[in-house]
N, C-alpha and C. Protein backbone atom coordinates (compact mmCIF):
# COMPACT_ATOMS: atom_id res chain seq x y z
N MET A 1 78.74 -222.24 -17.33
CA MET A 1 78.80 -222.42 -15.90
C MET A 1 80.23 -222.78 -15.50
N ILE A 2 80.64 -222.23 -14.37
CA ILE A 2 81.95 -222.54 -13.80
C ILE A 2 81.76 -223.50 -12.64
N LYS A 3 82.60 -224.54 -12.63
CA LYS A 3 82.61 -225.49 -11.52
C LYS A 3 84.00 -225.50 -10.91
N ILE A 4 84.05 -225.61 -9.59
CA ILE A 4 85.33 -225.67 -8.87
C ILE A 4 85.82 -227.12 -8.84
N MET A 5 87.11 -227.31 -9.13
CA MET A 5 87.73 -228.63 -9.00
C MET A 5 88.16 -228.80 -7.54
N ASN A 6 87.88 -229.95 -6.96
CA ASN A 6 88.15 -230.16 -5.54
C ASN A 6 89.37 -231.02 -5.25
N ASP A 7 90.05 -231.50 -6.27
CA ASP A 7 91.13 -232.47 -6.05
C ASP A 7 92.53 -231.85 -6.18
N LEU A 8 92.67 -230.57 -5.78
CA LEU A 8 93.94 -229.88 -5.93
C LEU A 8 94.42 -229.34 -4.59
N PRO A 9 95.73 -229.06 -4.46
CA PRO A 9 96.25 -228.51 -3.20
C PRO A 9 95.61 -227.16 -2.86
N ASN A 10 95.75 -226.75 -1.60
CA ASN A 10 95.11 -225.53 -1.11
C ASN A 10 95.53 -224.25 -1.84
N ASN A 11 96.75 -224.21 -2.37
CA ASN A 11 97.21 -223.00 -3.04
C ASN A 11 96.85 -222.98 -4.53
N VAL A 12 96.10 -223.97 -4.98
CA VAL A 12 95.70 -224.07 -6.38
C VAL A 12 94.19 -223.97 -6.47
N LEU A 13 93.74 -223.07 -7.34
CA LEU A 13 92.32 -222.97 -7.64
C LEU A 13 92.11 -223.58 -9.01
N GLY A 14 91.35 -224.64 -9.06
CA GLY A 14 91.03 -225.28 -10.32
C GLY A 14 89.57 -225.04 -10.67
N ILE A 15 89.34 -224.59 -11.88
CA ILE A 15 87.96 -224.38 -12.33
C ILE A 15 87.77 -225.01 -13.69
N SER A 16 86.54 -225.40 -13.95
CA SER A 16 86.18 -226.00 -15.23
C SER A 16 84.98 -225.25 -15.77
N GLY A 17 85.09 -224.80 -17.01
CA GLY A 17 83.99 -224.10 -17.65
C GLY A 17 83.21 -225.03 -18.54
N GLU A 18 81.89 -225.04 -18.34
CA GLU A 18 81.00 -225.87 -19.14
C GLU A 18 79.87 -224.99 -19.67
N GLY A 19 79.45 -225.24 -20.89
CA GLY A 19 78.38 -224.44 -21.47
C GLY A 19 78.81 -223.00 -21.62
N LYS A 20 77.89 -222.09 -21.45
CA LYS A 20 78.16 -220.66 -21.55
C LYS A 20 78.61 -220.15 -20.18
N ILE A 21 79.75 -219.47 -20.14
CA ILE A 21 80.26 -218.87 -18.91
C ILE A 21 79.78 -217.43 -18.87
N THR A 22 79.17 -217.07 -17.75
CA THR A 22 78.54 -215.75 -17.64
C THR A 22 79.24 -214.90 -16.57
N GLY A 23 78.92 -213.62 -16.60
CA GLY A 23 79.41 -212.73 -15.56
C GLY A 23 78.93 -213.17 -14.19
N THR A 24 77.73 -213.70 -14.12
CA THR A 24 77.19 -214.20 -12.85
C THR A 24 78.06 -215.34 -12.32
N ASP A 25 78.57 -216.20 -13.22
CA ASP A 25 79.49 -217.27 -12.79
C ASP A 25 80.73 -216.68 -12.13
N TYR A 26 81.25 -215.62 -12.74
CA TYR A 26 82.44 -214.97 -12.17
C TYR A 26 82.12 -214.37 -10.82
N GLU A 27 81.00 -213.67 -10.73
CA GLU A 27 80.66 -212.94 -9.51
C GLU A 27 80.24 -213.84 -8.35
N THR A 28 79.62 -214.98 -8.64
CA THR A 28 79.12 -215.84 -7.57
C THR A 28 79.99 -217.06 -7.28
N ILE A 29 80.85 -217.42 -8.23
CA ILE A 29 81.67 -218.62 -8.04
C ILE A 29 83.16 -218.29 -8.06
N LEU A 30 83.65 -217.74 -9.17
CA LEU A 30 85.10 -217.58 -9.33
C LEU A 30 85.68 -216.51 -8.43
N MET A 31 85.11 -215.32 -8.44
CA MET A 31 85.67 -214.24 -7.62
C MET A 31 85.68 -214.59 -6.13
N PRO A 32 84.58 -215.12 -5.57
CA PRO A 32 84.65 -215.53 -4.15
C PRO A 32 85.68 -216.63 -3.89
N ALA A 33 85.86 -217.54 -4.83
CA ALA A 33 86.85 -218.60 -4.65
C ALA A 33 88.27 -218.04 -4.64
N VAL A 34 88.54 -217.07 -5.51
CA VAL A 34 89.85 -216.42 -5.53
C VAL A 34 90.08 -215.69 -4.21
N GLU A 35 89.09 -214.92 -3.78
CA GLU A 35 89.22 -214.17 -2.53
C GLU A 35 89.46 -215.11 -1.35
N ASP A 36 88.77 -216.24 -1.34
CA ASP A 36 88.94 -217.22 -0.27
C ASP A 36 90.37 -217.77 -0.25
N LYS A 37 90.88 -218.12 -1.43
CA LYS A 37 92.26 -218.64 -1.51
C LYS A 37 93.26 -217.59 -1.05
N LEU A 38 93.02 -216.33 -1.42
CA LEU A 38 93.98 -215.27 -1.08
C LEU A 38 93.95 -214.91 0.40
N LYS A 39 92.94 -215.32 1.12
CA LYS A 39 92.93 -215.13 2.56
C LYS A 39 93.96 -216.04 3.22
N ARG A 40 94.27 -217.16 2.57
CA ARG A 40 95.18 -218.15 3.14
C ARG A 40 96.53 -218.22 2.47
N HIS A 41 96.64 -217.63 1.26
CA HIS A 41 97.90 -217.71 0.51
C HIS A 41 98.19 -216.36 -0.14
N LYS A 42 99.45 -215.96 -0.09
CA LYS A 42 99.85 -214.69 -0.71
C LYS A 42 99.78 -214.79 -2.23
N LYS A 43 100.15 -215.96 -2.76
CA LYS A 43 100.09 -216.23 -4.20
C LYS A 43 99.37 -217.55 -4.42
N ILE A 44 98.64 -217.61 -5.52
CA ILE A 44 97.93 -218.84 -5.85
C ILE A 44 98.18 -219.22 -7.31
N ASN A 45 97.95 -220.48 -7.58
CA ASN A 45 98.03 -221.01 -8.94
C ASN A 45 96.60 -221.23 -9.43
N LEU A 46 96.40 -221.02 -10.71
CA LEU A 46 95.07 -221.17 -11.31
C LEU A 46 95.12 -222.18 -12.44
N LEU A 47 94.25 -223.16 -12.37
CA LEU A 47 94.05 -224.12 -13.45
C LEU A 47 92.67 -223.84 -14.03
N TYR A 48 92.64 -223.37 -15.27
CA TYR A 48 91.38 -222.98 -15.92
C TYR A 48 91.15 -223.93 -17.09
N HIS A 49 90.15 -224.80 -16.94
CA HIS A 49 89.87 -225.83 -17.95
C HIS A 49 88.59 -225.49 -18.71
N LEU A 50 88.71 -225.40 -20.01
CA LEU A 50 87.55 -225.21 -20.89
C LEU A 50 87.40 -226.50 -21.69
N GLY A 51 86.55 -227.37 -21.20
CA GLY A 51 86.41 -228.70 -21.79
C GLY A 51 85.50 -228.75 -22.99
N ASP A 52 85.14 -229.97 -23.37
CA ASP A 52 84.34 -230.21 -24.56
C ASP A 52 82.94 -229.61 -24.48
N LYS A 53 82.44 -229.40 -23.26
CA LYS A 53 81.09 -228.85 -23.10
C LYS A 53 81.06 -227.33 -23.06
N TYR A 54 82.23 -226.69 -23.09
CA TYR A 54 82.32 -225.23 -23.09
C TYR A 54 81.80 -224.68 -24.41
N THR A 55 80.95 -223.64 -24.34
CA THR A 55 80.40 -223.05 -25.57
C THR A 55 80.72 -221.58 -25.74
N GLY A 56 81.27 -220.92 -24.71
CA GLY A 56 81.65 -219.52 -24.87
C GLY A 56 81.49 -218.71 -23.61
N PHE A 57 81.91 -217.45 -23.71
CA PHE A 57 81.78 -216.46 -22.64
C PHE A 57 80.75 -215.43 -23.06
N ASP A 58 79.96 -214.92 -22.10
CA ASP A 58 79.17 -213.75 -22.43
C ASP A 58 80.05 -212.52 -22.22
N LEU A 59 79.60 -211.38 -22.70
CA LEU A 59 80.40 -210.16 -22.66
C LEU A 59 80.75 -209.77 -21.22
N HIS A 60 79.82 -209.94 -20.32
CA HIS A 60 80.05 -209.59 -18.92
C HIS A 60 81.17 -210.46 -18.33
N ALA A 61 81.22 -211.73 -18.70
CA ALA A 61 82.27 -212.63 -18.21
C ALA A 61 83.63 -212.21 -18.74
N ILE A 62 83.69 -211.75 -19.97
CA ILE A 62 84.97 -211.30 -20.55
C ILE A 62 85.51 -210.11 -19.75
N PHE A 63 84.64 -209.16 -19.42
CA PHE A 63 85.07 -208.01 -18.63
C PHE A 63 85.45 -208.42 -17.21
N ASP A 64 84.67 -209.33 -16.62
CA ASP A 64 84.99 -209.80 -15.27
C ASP A 64 86.31 -210.55 -15.24
N ASP A 65 86.61 -211.29 -16.31
CA ASP A 65 87.87 -212.02 -16.39
C ASP A 65 89.05 -211.05 -16.37
N ALA A 66 88.96 -210.02 -17.19
CA ALA A 66 90.04 -209.02 -17.23
C ALA A 66 90.15 -208.30 -15.89
N LYS A 67 89.03 -207.94 -15.32
CA LYS A 67 89.01 -207.24 -14.03
C LYS A 67 89.65 -208.10 -12.94
N LEU A 68 89.28 -209.37 -12.89
CA LEU A 68 89.82 -210.28 -11.89
C LEU A 68 91.33 -210.43 -12.06
N GLY A 69 91.76 -210.61 -13.30
CA GLY A 69 93.19 -210.79 -13.56
C GLY A 69 94.02 -209.60 -13.13
N PHE A 70 93.56 -208.40 -13.45
CA PHE A 70 94.33 -207.21 -13.13
C PHE A 70 94.14 -206.76 -11.69
N GLN A 71 92.99 -207.04 -11.11
CA GLN A 71 92.74 -206.68 -9.72
C GLN A 71 93.68 -207.42 -8.79
N HIS A 72 94.03 -208.63 -9.14
CA HIS A 72 94.92 -209.46 -8.32
C HIS A 72 96.20 -209.79 -9.09
N LEU A 73 96.71 -208.84 -9.82
CA LEU A 73 97.85 -209.07 -10.71
C LEU A 73 99.03 -209.72 -10.01
N SER A 74 99.34 -209.30 -8.81
CA SER A 74 100.51 -209.84 -8.12
C SER A 74 100.20 -211.13 -7.35
N ALA A 75 98.95 -211.58 -7.38
CA ALA A 75 98.55 -212.77 -6.61
C ALA A 75 98.77 -214.07 -7.37
N TRP A 76 98.95 -213.99 -8.67
CA TRP A 76 99.08 -215.21 -9.47
C TRP A 76 100.52 -215.67 -9.50
N ASP A 77 100.75 -216.94 -9.21
CA ASP A 77 102.08 -217.53 -9.30
C ASP A 77 102.22 -218.26 -10.65
N LYS A 78 101.25 -219.13 -10.94
CA LYS A 78 101.23 -219.83 -12.22
C LYS A 78 99.77 -219.96 -12.68
N ILE A 79 99.60 -219.92 -13.99
CA ILE A 79 98.28 -220.13 -14.58
C ILE A 79 98.42 -221.18 -15.68
N ALA A 80 97.56 -222.19 -15.61
CA ALA A 80 97.48 -223.21 -16.66
C ALA A 80 96.11 -223.08 -17.31
N LEU A 81 96.10 -222.84 -18.60
CA LEU A 81 94.86 -222.78 -19.37
C LEU A 81 94.78 -224.06 -20.19
N VAL A 82 93.72 -224.81 -20.00
CA VAL A 82 93.54 -226.07 -20.70
C VAL A 82 92.33 -225.94 -21.61
N SER A 83 92.59 -226.00 -22.92
CA SER A 83 91.52 -225.75 -23.88
C SER A 83 91.92 -226.24 -25.27
N ASP A 84 90.93 -226.66 -26.03
CA ASP A 84 91.17 -226.99 -27.43
C ASP A 84 90.75 -225.85 -28.36
N HIS A 85 90.41 -224.71 -27.78
CA HIS A 85 89.97 -223.55 -28.57
C HIS A 85 91.19 -222.72 -28.95
N GLU A 86 91.59 -222.81 -30.21
CA GLU A 86 92.82 -222.17 -30.67
C GLU A 86 92.83 -220.66 -30.44
N LEU A 87 91.71 -220.00 -30.68
CA LEU A 87 91.67 -218.55 -30.51
C LEU A 87 91.93 -218.18 -29.05
N ILE A 88 91.34 -218.91 -28.13
CA ILE A 88 91.54 -218.63 -26.70
C ILE A 88 92.99 -218.91 -26.31
N ASN A 89 93.53 -220.03 -26.75
CA ASN A 89 94.92 -220.37 -26.42
C ASN A 89 95.90 -219.35 -27.00
N THR A 90 95.68 -218.96 -28.24
CA THR A 90 96.57 -217.99 -28.89
C THR A 90 96.48 -216.63 -28.20
N THR A 91 95.27 -216.20 -27.88
CA THR A 91 95.09 -214.92 -27.19
C THR A 91 95.78 -214.94 -25.84
N ALA A 92 95.65 -216.04 -25.11
CA ALA A 92 96.32 -216.16 -23.81
C ALA A 92 97.83 -216.06 -23.98
N LYS A 93 98.37 -216.72 -24.97
CA LYS A 93 99.82 -216.66 -25.20
C LYS A 93 100.27 -215.25 -25.58
N LEU A 94 99.46 -214.56 -26.41
CA LEU A 94 99.81 -213.20 -26.84
C LEU A 94 99.83 -212.22 -25.68
N PHE A 95 98.87 -212.34 -24.78
CA PHE A 95 98.77 -211.39 -23.68
C PHE A 95 99.41 -211.90 -22.40
N GLY A 96 99.85 -213.13 -22.39
CA GLY A 96 100.47 -213.72 -21.21
C GLY A 96 101.74 -213.01 -20.77
N PHE A 97 102.43 -212.38 -21.70
CA PHE A 97 103.66 -211.69 -21.34
C PHE A 97 103.41 -210.50 -20.41
N MET A 98 102.18 -210.00 -20.38
CA MET A 98 101.84 -208.87 -19.52
C MET A 98 101.65 -209.31 -18.07
N LEU A 99 101.53 -210.58 -17.83
CA LEU A 99 101.32 -211.08 -16.48
C LEU A 99 102.65 -211.30 -15.78
N PRO A 100 102.72 -211.00 -14.49
CA PRO A 100 103.96 -211.23 -13.75
C PRO A 100 104.07 -212.66 -13.22
N CYS A 101 103.48 -213.59 -13.94
CA CYS A 101 103.52 -214.99 -13.55
C CYS A 101 103.74 -215.83 -14.80
N THR A 102 103.93 -217.11 -14.59
CA THR A 102 104.09 -218.03 -15.71
C THR A 102 102.73 -218.51 -16.17
N LEU A 103 102.48 -218.44 -17.45
CA LEU A 103 101.24 -218.95 -18.04
C LEU A 103 101.59 -219.98 -19.09
N ARG A 104 100.95 -221.13 -19.00
CA ARG A 104 101.12 -222.18 -20.02
C ARG A 104 99.76 -222.62 -20.50
N THR A 105 99.70 -222.96 -21.77
CA THR A 105 98.46 -223.51 -22.32
C THR A 105 98.66 -224.99 -22.61
N PHE A 106 97.58 -225.73 -22.47
CA PHE A 106 97.57 -227.17 -22.70
C PHE A 106 96.30 -227.52 -23.47
N LYS A 107 96.36 -228.54 -24.26
CA LYS A 107 95.18 -229.08 -24.93
C LYS A 107 94.39 -229.92 -23.92
N ASN A 108 93.12 -230.15 -24.20
CA ASN A 108 92.28 -230.89 -23.27
C ASN A 108 92.80 -232.29 -22.96
N ASP A 109 93.42 -232.92 -23.92
CA ASP A 109 93.93 -234.27 -23.65
C ASP A 109 95.18 -234.25 -22.76
N LYS A 110 95.66 -233.08 -22.40
CA LYS A 110 96.82 -232.92 -21.52
C LYS A 110 96.42 -232.34 -20.16
N LEU A 111 95.15 -232.51 -19.78
CA LEU A 111 94.67 -231.99 -18.50
C LEU A 111 95.48 -232.53 -17.33
N GLU A 112 95.77 -233.79 -17.31
CA GLU A 112 96.55 -234.38 -16.21
C GLU A 112 97.96 -233.79 -16.16
N GLU A 113 98.56 -233.56 -17.33
CA GLU A 113 99.87 -232.92 -17.39
C GLU A 113 99.80 -231.50 -16.83
N ALA A 114 98.74 -230.78 -17.16
CA ALA A 114 98.53 -229.43 -16.65
C ALA A 114 98.40 -229.45 -15.12
N LYS A 115 97.66 -230.42 -14.60
CA LYS A 115 97.51 -230.53 -13.14
C LYS A 115 98.86 -230.78 -12.48
N LYS A 116 99.66 -231.65 -13.07
CA LYS A 116 101.00 -231.92 -12.49
C LYS A 116 101.86 -230.65 -12.51
N TRP A 117 101.81 -229.92 -13.62
CA TRP A 117 102.62 -228.69 -13.74
C TRP A 117 102.16 -227.64 -12.74
N ILE A 118 100.87 -227.47 -12.58
CA ILE A 118 100.35 -226.39 -11.73
C ILE A 118 100.62 -226.63 -10.25
N ILE A 119 100.80 -227.89 -9.86
CA ILE A 119 101.06 -228.16 -8.44
C ILE A 119 102.55 -228.28 -8.11
N GLU A 120 103.40 -228.24 -9.11
CA GLU A 120 104.86 -228.33 -8.86
C GLU A 120 105.35 -227.18 -8.01
């Protein structure tokens, strides 16, 4: 499940993934939240937190993630990925060069540092 973080500036979308993240989460929560932010801002920052309760993505969510990223390729200013999952962090770093924005990864114990960086 995806939950929206409410304690961030208007140009920052913060989300937290708990349990299994599904395509339905993307379609009913994340995609509408991105669209809403883009109505008010040309570029947005994304804070994506996969905490201790995160257990994985379903296949539909993986495709929706790629679709969302490329559909709004020029809309991202900065992306902070906060996770203790090495495979996810490494994959993000490997493919981050394809994004026209800055992407940084942080460990879960650095969530506050990630929040400070994403709002700078």
